[in-house]
N, C-alpha and C. Protein backbone atom coordinates (compact mmCIF):
# COMPACT_ATOMS: atom_id res chain seq x y z
N MET A 1 129.21 -74.48 -141.40
CA MET A 1 127.83 -74.38 -140.97
C MET A 1 127.15 -73.15 -141.57
N VAL A 2 127.86 -72.06 -141.64
CA VAL A 2 127.29 -70.85 -142.24
C VAL A 2 126.99 -71.08 -143.72
N ASP A 3 127.90 -71.77 -144.43
CA ASP A 3 127.68 -72.06 -145.85
C ASP A 3 126.40 -72.86 -146.05
N ILE A 4 126.16 -73.83 -145.21
CA ILE A 4 124.96 -74.65 -145.32
C ILE A 4 123.72 -73.79 -145.08
N TYR A 5 123.78 -72.91 -144.10
CA TYR A 5 122.65 -72.04 -143.82
C TYR A 5 122.31 -71.19 -145.04
N PHE A 6 123.33 -70.61 -145.66
CA PHE A 6 123.07 -69.78 -146.83
C PHE A 6 122.52 -70.60 -147.99
N LYS A 7 123.03 -71.79 -148.19
CA LYS A 7 122.52 -72.63 -149.27
C LYS A 7 121.06 -72.99 -149.03
N GLU A 8 120.71 -73.33 -147.80
CA GLU A 8 119.32 -73.66 -147.50
C GLU A 8 118.44 -72.44 -147.69
N SER A 9 118.88 -71.29 -147.25
CA SER A 9 118.10 -70.06 -147.42
C SER A 9 117.92 -69.75 -148.89
N TYR A 10 118.96 -69.94 -149.68
CA TYR A 10 118.89 -69.67 -151.11
C TYR A 10 117.89 -70.61 -151.77
N ASN A 11 117.96 -71.90 -151.42
CA ASN A 11 117.03 -72.86 -152.00
C ASN A 11 115.59 -72.54 -151.62
N GLU A 12 115.36 -72.09 -150.41
CA GLU A 12 114.01 -71.72 -150.00
C GLU A 12 113.51 -70.54 -150.82
N ALA A 13 114.35 -69.54 -151.05
CA ALA A 13 113.96 -68.37 -151.83
C ALA A 13 113.65 -68.76 -153.26
N MET A 14 114.36 -69.74 -153.78
CA MET A 14 114.14 -70.17 -155.16
C MET A 14 112.74 -70.72 -155.35
N LYS A 15 112.18 -71.26 -154.31
CA LYS A 15 110.88 -71.91 -154.45
C LYS A 15 109.70 -70.95 -154.30
N LYS A 16 109.95 -69.71 -153.94
CA LYS A 16 108.85 -68.76 -153.74
C LYS A 16 108.45 -68.11 -155.06
N ILE A 17 107.14 -68.10 -155.31
CA ILE A 17 106.60 -67.40 -156.48
C ILE A 17 105.56 -66.42 -155.98
N LEU A 18 105.69 -65.18 -156.40
CA LEU A 18 104.72 -64.14 -156.07
C LEU A 18 103.79 -63.94 -157.26
N ILE A 19 102.49 -64.06 -157.00
CA ILE A 19 101.48 -63.80 -158.03
C ILE A 19 100.88 -62.43 -157.73
N ILE A 20 100.96 -61.53 -158.71
CA ILE A 20 100.34 -60.21 -158.58
C ILE A 20 99.23 -60.16 -159.62
N ASP A 21 97.99 -60.30 -159.16
CA ASP A 21 96.83 -60.37 -160.06
C ASP A 21 95.60 -59.97 -159.26
N ASP A 22 94.70 -59.24 -159.89
CA ASP A 22 93.48 -58.80 -159.20
C ASP A 22 92.32 -59.78 -159.35
N ALA A 23 92.52 -60.89 -160.06
CA ALA A 23 91.44 -61.86 -160.28
C ALA A 23 91.58 -63.02 -159.29
N PRO A 24 90.68 -63.10 -158.30
CA PRO A 24 90.77 -64.16 -157.29
C PRO A 24 90.76 -65.57 -157.88
N ASP A 25 90.00 -65.79 -158.95
CA ASP A 25 89.95 -67.13 -159.56
C ASP A 25 91.31 -67.53 -160.14
N VAL A 26 91.99 -66.58 -160.75
CA VAL A 26 93.32 -66.85 -161.31
C VAL A 26 94.29 -67.17 -160.19
N ILE A 27 94.25 -66.38 -159.13
CA ILE A 27 95.14 -66.62 -157.99
C ILE A 27 94.88 -68.00 -157.38
N ARG A 28 93.62 -68.36 -157.21
CA ARG A 28 93.28 -69.68 -156.64
C ARG A 28 93.81 -70.82 -157.53
N LEU A 29 93.58 -70.70 -158.83
CA LEU A 29 94.04 -71.73 -159.77
C LEU A 29 95.56 -71.87 -159.75
N LEU A 30 96.25 -70.73 -159.85
CA LEU A 30 97.72 -70.76 -159.83
C LEU A 30 98.25 -71.27 -158.50
N ASN A 31 97.64 -70.82 -157.42
CA ASN A 31 98.07 -71.26 -156.09
C ASN A 31 97.99 -72.78 -155.97
N ALA A 32 96.86 -73.35 -156.38
CA ALA A 32 96.68 -74.80 -156.29
C ALA A 32 97.71 -75.54 -157.14
N ARG A 33 97.89 -75.09 -158.37
CA ARG A 33 98.81 -75.78 -159.29
C ARG A 33 100.27 -75.65 -158.86
N LEU A 34 100.66 -74.45 -158.49
CA LEU A 34 102.06 -74.22 -158.12
C LEU A 34 102.42 -74.86 -156.78
N THR A 35 101.47 -74.87 -155.85
CA THR A 35 101.69 -75.54 -154.57
C THR A 35 101.89 -77.04 -154.80
N LYS A 36 101.09 -77.59 -155.68
CA LYS A 36 101.22 -79.02 -156.03
C LYS A 36 102.60 -79.32 -156.62
N GLU A 37 103.18 -78.35 -157.30
CA GLU A 37 104.52 -78.51 -157.90
C GLU A 37 105.65 -78.26 -156.89
N GLY A 38 105.29 -77.90 -155.65
CA GLY A 38 106.29 -77.72 -154.61
C GLY A 38 106.74 -76.29 -154.38
N TYR A 39 106.09 -75.34 -155.01
CA TYR A 39 106.44 -73.93 -154.81
C TYR A 39 105.66 -73.34 -153.64
N GLU A 40 106.28 -72.40 -152.96
CA GLU A 40 105.56 -71.58 -151.97
C GLU A 40 104.98 -70.40 -152.73
N VAL A 41 103.68 -70.18 -152.60
CA VAL A 41 103.01 -69.13 -153.36
C VAL A 41 102.66 -67.96 -152.45
N LEU A 42 103.08 -66.78 -152.89
CA LEU A 42 102.73 -65.52 -152.23
C LEU A 42 101.76 -64.80 -153.15
N GLN A 43 100.89 -63.97 -152.57
CA GLN A 43 99.85 -63.33 -153.38
C GLN A 43 99.75 -61.85 -153.10
N ALA A 44 99.41 -61.11 -154.14
CA ALA A 44 99.09 -59.69 -154.01
C ALA A 44 97.99 -59.39 -155.01
N SER A 45 97.00 -58.61 -154.60
CA SER A 45 95.85 -58.36 -155.46
C SER A 45 95.93 -57.06 -156.25
N HIS A 46 97.00 -56.30 -156.06
CA HIS A 46 97.20 -55.09 -156.87
C HIS A 46 98.69 -54.74 -156.87
N GLY A 47 99.05 -53.84 -157.77
CA GLY A 47 100.45 -53.52 -157.99
C GLY A 47 101.20 -53.00 -156.79
N GLU A 48 100.62 -52.06 -156.07
CA GLU A 48 101.31 -51.48 -154.91
C GLU A 48 101.58 -52.54 -153.85
N GLU A 49 100.59 -53.38 -153.60
CA GLU A 49 100.78 -54.47 -152.64
C GLU A 49 101.87 -55.42 -153.13
N GLY A 50 101.87 -55.70 -154.41
CA GLY A 50 102.88 -56.58 -154.99
C GLY A 50 104.29 -56.06 -154.82
N LEU A 51 104.47 -54.75 -154.98
CA LEU A 51 105.79 -54.15 -154.79
C LEU A 51 106.29 -54.33 -153.36
N VAL A 52 105.38 -54.16 -152.40
CA VAL A 52 105.74 -54.33 -150.98
C VAL A 52 106.10 -55.80 -150.70
N VAL A 53 105.26 -56.72 -151.16
CA VAL A 53 105.51 -58.15 -150.91
C VAL A 53 106.82 -58.58 -151.58
N ALA A 54 107.08 -58.11 -152.79
CA ALA A 54 108.32 -58.47 -153.49
C ALA A 54 109.54 -58.00 -152.71
N ARG A 55 109.47 -56.79 -152.22
CA ARG A 55 110.60 -56.22 -151.48
C ARG A 55 110.83 -56.98 -150.16
N GLU A 56 109.76 -57.33 -149.49
CA GLU A 56 109.87 -58.00 -148.19
C GLU A 56 110.23 -59.48 -148.30
N SER A 57 109.71 -60.17 -149.31
CA SER A 57 109.86 -61.63 -149.36
C SER A 57 110.91 -62.12 -150.35
N LYS A 58 111.35 -61.28 -151.26
CA LYS A 58 112.37 -61.66 -152.26
C LYS A 58 112.04 -63.01 -152.93
N PRO A 59 110.93 -63.09 -153.65
CA PRO A 59 110.58 -64.36 -154.29
C PRO A 59 111.58 -64.71 -155.40
N GLY A 60 111.55 -65.97 -155.80
CA GLY A 60 112.41 -66.42 -156.89
C GLY A 60 111.87 -66.06 -158.25
N LEU A 61 110.58 -65.68 -158.33
CA LEU A 61 109.94 -65.31 -159.59
C LEU A 61 108.63 -64.60 -159.27
N ILE A 62 108.24 -63.68 -160.15
CA ILE A 62 106.96 -62.98 -160.03
C ILE A 62 106.13 -63.23 -161.27
N LEU A 63 104.89 -63.69 -161.08
CA LEU A 63 103.91 -63.78 -162.16
C LEU A 63 103.05 -62.54 -162.04
N LEU A 64 102.99 -61.74 -163.11
CA LEU A 64 102.42 -60.40 -163.04
C LEU A 64 101.37 -60.17 -164.10
N ASP A 65 100.18 -59.78 -163.68
CA ASP A 65 99.12 -59.38 -164.60
C ASP A 65 99.39 -57.94 -165.05
N VAL A 66 98.85 -57.56 -166.19
CA VAL A 66 99.00 -56.17 -166.66
C VAL A 66 97.83 -55.32 -166.20
N LEU A 67 96.62 -55.79 -166.47
CA LEU A 67 95.42 -55.00 -166.20
C LEU A 67 94.97 -55.18 -164.76
N MET A 68 95.29 -54.17 -163.94
CA MET A 68 94.89 -54.18 -162.53
C MET A 68 94.49 -52.77 -162.15
N PRO A 69 93.64 -52.63 -161.13
CA PRO A 69 93.30 -51.28 -160.69
C PRO A 69 94.52 -50.57 -160.11
N GLY A 70 94.58 -49.27 -160.30
CA GLY A 70 95.72 -48.51 -159.78
C GLY A 70 96.92 -48.67 -160.69
N THR A 71 98.00 -49.14 -160.13
CA THR A 71 99.25 -49.31 -160.87
C THR A 71 99.16 -50.54 -161.77
N ASP A 72 99.38 -50.34 -163.09
CA ASP A 72 99.31 -51.49 -163.99
C ASP A 72 100.60 -52.31 -163.94
N GLY A 73 100.56 -53.48 -164.54
CA GLY A 73 101.69 -54.40 -164.49
C GLY A 73 102.96 -53.86 -165.13
N PHE A 74 102.83 -53.06 -166.19
CA PHE A 74 104.02 -52.49 -166.82
C PHE A 74 104.74 -51.56 -165.85
N ASP A 75 103.97 -50.72 -165.15
CA ASP A 75 104.57 -49.83 -164.15
C ASP A 75 105.22 -50.62 -163.02
N VAL A 76 104.53 -51.67 -162.58
CA VAL A 76 105.08 -52.51 -161.51
C VAL A 76 106.42 -53.10 -161.95
N CYS A 77 106.47 -53.62 -163.16
CA CYS A 77 107.70 -54.22 -163.67
C CYS A 77 108.83 -53.19 -163.72
N GLU A 78 108.53 -52.01 -164.22
CA GLU A 78 109.55 -50.95 -164.30
C GLU A 78 110.04 -50.55 -162.91
N ARG A 79 109.12 -50.49 -161.95
CA ARG A 79 109.52 -50.13 -160.59
C ARG A 79 110.33 -51.24 -159.93
N LEU A 80 109.99 -52.48 -160.21
CA LEU A 80 110.79 -53.60 -159.70
C LEU A 80 112.21 -53.54 -160.25
N ARG A 81 112.33 -53.24 -161.54
CA ARG A 81 113.65 -53.17 -162.18
C ARG A 81 114.49 -52.01 -161.66
N SER A 82 113.84 -50.93 -161.24
CA SER A 82 114.60 -49.76 -160.78
C SER A 82 114.95 -49.80 -159.30
N ASP A 83 114.44 -50.78 -158.57
CA ASP A 83 114.70 -50.91 -157.14
C ASP A 83 115.85 -51.90 -156.92
N PRO A 84 116.94 -51.47 -156.28
CA PRO A 84 118.07 -52.39 -156.06
C PRO A 84 117.69 -53.66 -155.30
N GLU A 85 116.64 -53.59 -154.49
CA GLU A 85 116.21 -54.76 -153.70
C GLU A 85 115.47 -55.80 -154.55
N THR A 86 114.89 -55.39 -155.69
CA THR A 86 114.05 -56.30 -156.47
C THR A 86 114.48 -56.41 -157.94
N LYS A 87 115.51 -55.70 -158.32
CA LYS A 87 115.86 -55.61 -159.75
C LYS A 87 116.24 -56.95 -160.39
N ASP A 88 116.69 -57.90 -159.60
CA ASP A 88 117.12 -59.19 -160.15
C ASP A 88 116.06 -60.28 -160.07
N ILE A 89 114.89 -59.98 -159.54
CA ILE A 89 113.82 -60.98 -159.46
C ILE A 89 113.20 -61.12 -160.85
N PRO A 90 113.20 -62.34 -161.41
CA PRO A 90 112.60 -62.53 -162.73
C PRO A 90 111.09 -62.28 -162.70
N VAL A 91 110.61 -61.59 -163.74
CA VAL A 91 109.19 -61.29 -163.88
C VAL A 91 108.68 -61.96 -165.15
N VAL A 92 107.54 -62.64 -165.04
CA VAL A 92 106.86 -63.21 -166.19
C VAL A 92 105.45 -62.64 -166.20
N PHE A 93 105.09 -61.97 -167.29
CA PHE A 93 103.73 -61.47 -167.41
C PHE A 93 102.79 -62.62 -167.70
N LEU A 94 101.63 -62.60 -167.05
CA LEU A 94 100.57 -63.57 -167.25
C LEU A 94 99.30 -62.74 -167.38
N THR A 95 98.86 -62.50 -168.62
CA THR A 95 97.83 -61.50 -168.87
C THR A 95 96.96 -61.87 -170.05
N SER A 96 95.82 -61.24 -170.16
CA SER A 96 94.92 -61.47 -171.30
C SER A 96 95.28 -60.58 -172.49
N LEU A 97 96.19 -59.65 -172.32
CA LEU A 97 96.58 -58.76 -173.42
C LEU A 97 97.52 -59.48 -174.37
N GLU A 98 97.06 -59.71 -175.59
CA GLU A 98 97.87 -60.46 -176.54
C GLU A 98 98.38 -59.63 -177.71
N GLN A 99 98.07 -58.33 -177.73
CA GLN A 99 98.54 -57.48 -178.82
C GLN A 99 100.07 -57.41 -178.80
N ILE A 100 100.67 -57.42 -179.98
CA ILE A 100 102.13 -57.43 -180.09
C ILE A 100 102.76 -56.23 -179.40
N GLU A 101 102.07 -55.09 -179.42
CA GLU A 101 102.61 -53.90 -178.74
C GLU A 101 102.73 -54.13 -177.24
N CYS A 102 101.77 -54.84 -176.68
CA CYS A 102 101.81 -55.15 -175.24
C CYS A 102 102.93 -56.13 -174.92
N VAL A 103 103.09 -57.13 -175.78
CA VAL A 103 104.17 -58.10 -175.57
C VAL A 103 105.52 -57.37 -175.63
N LYS A 104 105.70 -56.52 -176.64
CA LYS A 104 106.95 -55.77 -176.77
C LYS A 104 107.20 -54.88 -175.56
N ARG A 105 106.15 -54.20 -175.10
CA ARG A 105 106.31 -53.32 -173.94
C ARG A 105 106.70 -54.14 -172.71
N GLY A 106 106.07 -55.28 -172.53
CA GLY A 106 106.39 -56.14 -171.39
C GLY A 106 107.84 -56.60 -171.41
N MET A 107 108.31 -56.99 -172.57
CA MET A 107 109.69 -57.46 -172.67
C MET A 107 110.67 -56.29 -172.55
N THR A 108 110.28 -55.13 -173.06
CA THR A 108 111.14 -53.95 -172.98
C THR A 108 111.31 -53.48 -171.54
N CYS A 109 110.28 -53.63 -170.73
CA CYS A 109 110.39 -53.16 -169.34
C CYS A 109 111.14 -54.16 -168.46
N GLY A 110 111.60 -55.26 -169.03
CA GLY A 110 112.48 -56.15 -168.27
C GLY A 110 111.93 -57.52 -167.92
N ALA A 111 110.79 -57.90 -168.48
CA ALA A 111 110.23 -59.23 -168.17
C ALA A 111 111.04 -60.33 -168.84
N LYS A 112 111.03 -61.49 -168.24
CA LYS A 112 111.70 -62.67 -168.79
C LYS A 112 110.77 -63.50 -169.67
N GLY A 113 109.46 -63.24 -169.56
CA GLY A 113 108.50 -63.98 -170.34
C GLY A 113 107.16 -63.27 -170.38
N TYR A 114 106.32 -63.70 -171.33
CA TYR A 114 105.00 -63.09 -171.51
C TYR A 114 104.06 -64.21 -171.94
N ILE A 115 103.14 -64.56 -171.08
CA ILE A 115 102.19 -65.64 -171.34
C ILE A 115 100.79 -65.05 -171.38
N VAL A 116 100.03 -65.46 -172.40
CA VAL A 116 98.68 -64.93 -172.58
C VAL A 116 97.66 -65.89 -171.96
N LYS A 117 96.71 -65.31 -171.19
CA LYS A 117 95.59 -66.07 -170.63
C LYS A 117 94.54 -66.26 -171.73
N PRO A 118 93.83 -67.36 -171.77
CA PRO A 118 94.03 -68.54 -170.93
C PRO A 118 95.35 -69.21 -171.31
N PHE A 119 96.02 -69.75 -170.32
CA PHE A 119 97.36 -70.28 -170.52
C PHE A 119 97.37 -71.80 -170.44
N ASP A 120 98.37 -72.38 -171.06
CA ASP A 120 98.61 -73.81 -170.98
C ASP A 120 99.48 -74.07 -169.75
N GLU A 121 99.04 -74.94 -168.85
CA GLU A 121 99.77 -75.19 -167.61
C GLU A 121 101.19 -75.69 -167.86
N LYS A 122 101.35 -76.56 -168.85
CA LYS A 122 102.69 -77.09 -169.14
C LYS A 122 103.62 -75.97 -169.60
N GLU A 123 103.11 -75.09 -170.44
CA GLU A 123 103.92 -73.95 -170.90
C GLU A 123 104.30 -73.06 -169.72
N LEU A 124 103.33 -72.79 -168.86
CA LEU A 124 103.60 -71.95 -167.69
C LEU A 124 104.68 -72.57 -166.81
N LEU A 125 104.56 -73.85 -166.51
CA LEU A 125 105.55 -74.52 -165.66
C LEU A 125 106.93 -74.54 -166.32
N LYS A 126 106.96 -74.67 -167.63
CA LYS A 126 108.23 -74.64 -168.36
C LYS A 126 108.89 -73.27 -168.23
N VAL A 127 108.11 -72.22 -168.45
CA VAL A 127 108.65 -70.85 -168.35
C VAL A 127 109.12 -70.57 -166.93
N ILE A 128 108.35 -71.01 -165.94
CA ILE A 128 108.76 -70.82 -164.55
C ILE A 128 110.09 -71.54 -164.30
N GLY A 129 110.17 -72.79 -164.70
CA GLY A 129 111.38 -73.58 -164.48
C GLY A 129 112.61 -72.98 -165.14
N GLU A 130 112.42 -72.37 -166.30
CA GLU A 130 113.54 -71.77 -167.04
C GLU A 130 113.99 -70.43 -166.44
N ASN A 131 113.11 -69.78 -165.69
CA ASN A 131 113.41 -68.41 -165.26
C ASN A 131 113.53 -68.19 -163.77
N ILE A 132 113.08 -69.12 -162.96
CA ILE A 132 113.12 -68.89 -161.52
C ILE A 132 114.58 -68.80 -161.06
N SER A 133 114.83 -67.84 -160.18
CA SER A 133 116.23 -67.65 -159.73
C SER A 133 116.42 -68.14 -158.31
């Protein structure tokens, strides 16, 4: 019975996606699409809030914007990687920054993917499916 409980809990955690983005329109669009795909969507509108939600909810994946007020996405990713509670949560950047230096920095700080806005929904769902833990 305990084994079943853990398996169910693990499967539930796998379905959670945390979106950290300061653009309400992006959050609404992603929320609608990901909910339709069967994911539970959590939201944070800035980096500090995202760090708290990630630590408390342990999502299966984080979609992270770079350009946000306060703590930027690169800092958030580095802090997630350095925290034992969140270090294994896959991070995929979803941002308008397409310069190669930004992509390299995102991947260097520990992201599993880097998608440039505007994004292709099929590509996004593929990257999520390949990386969600």
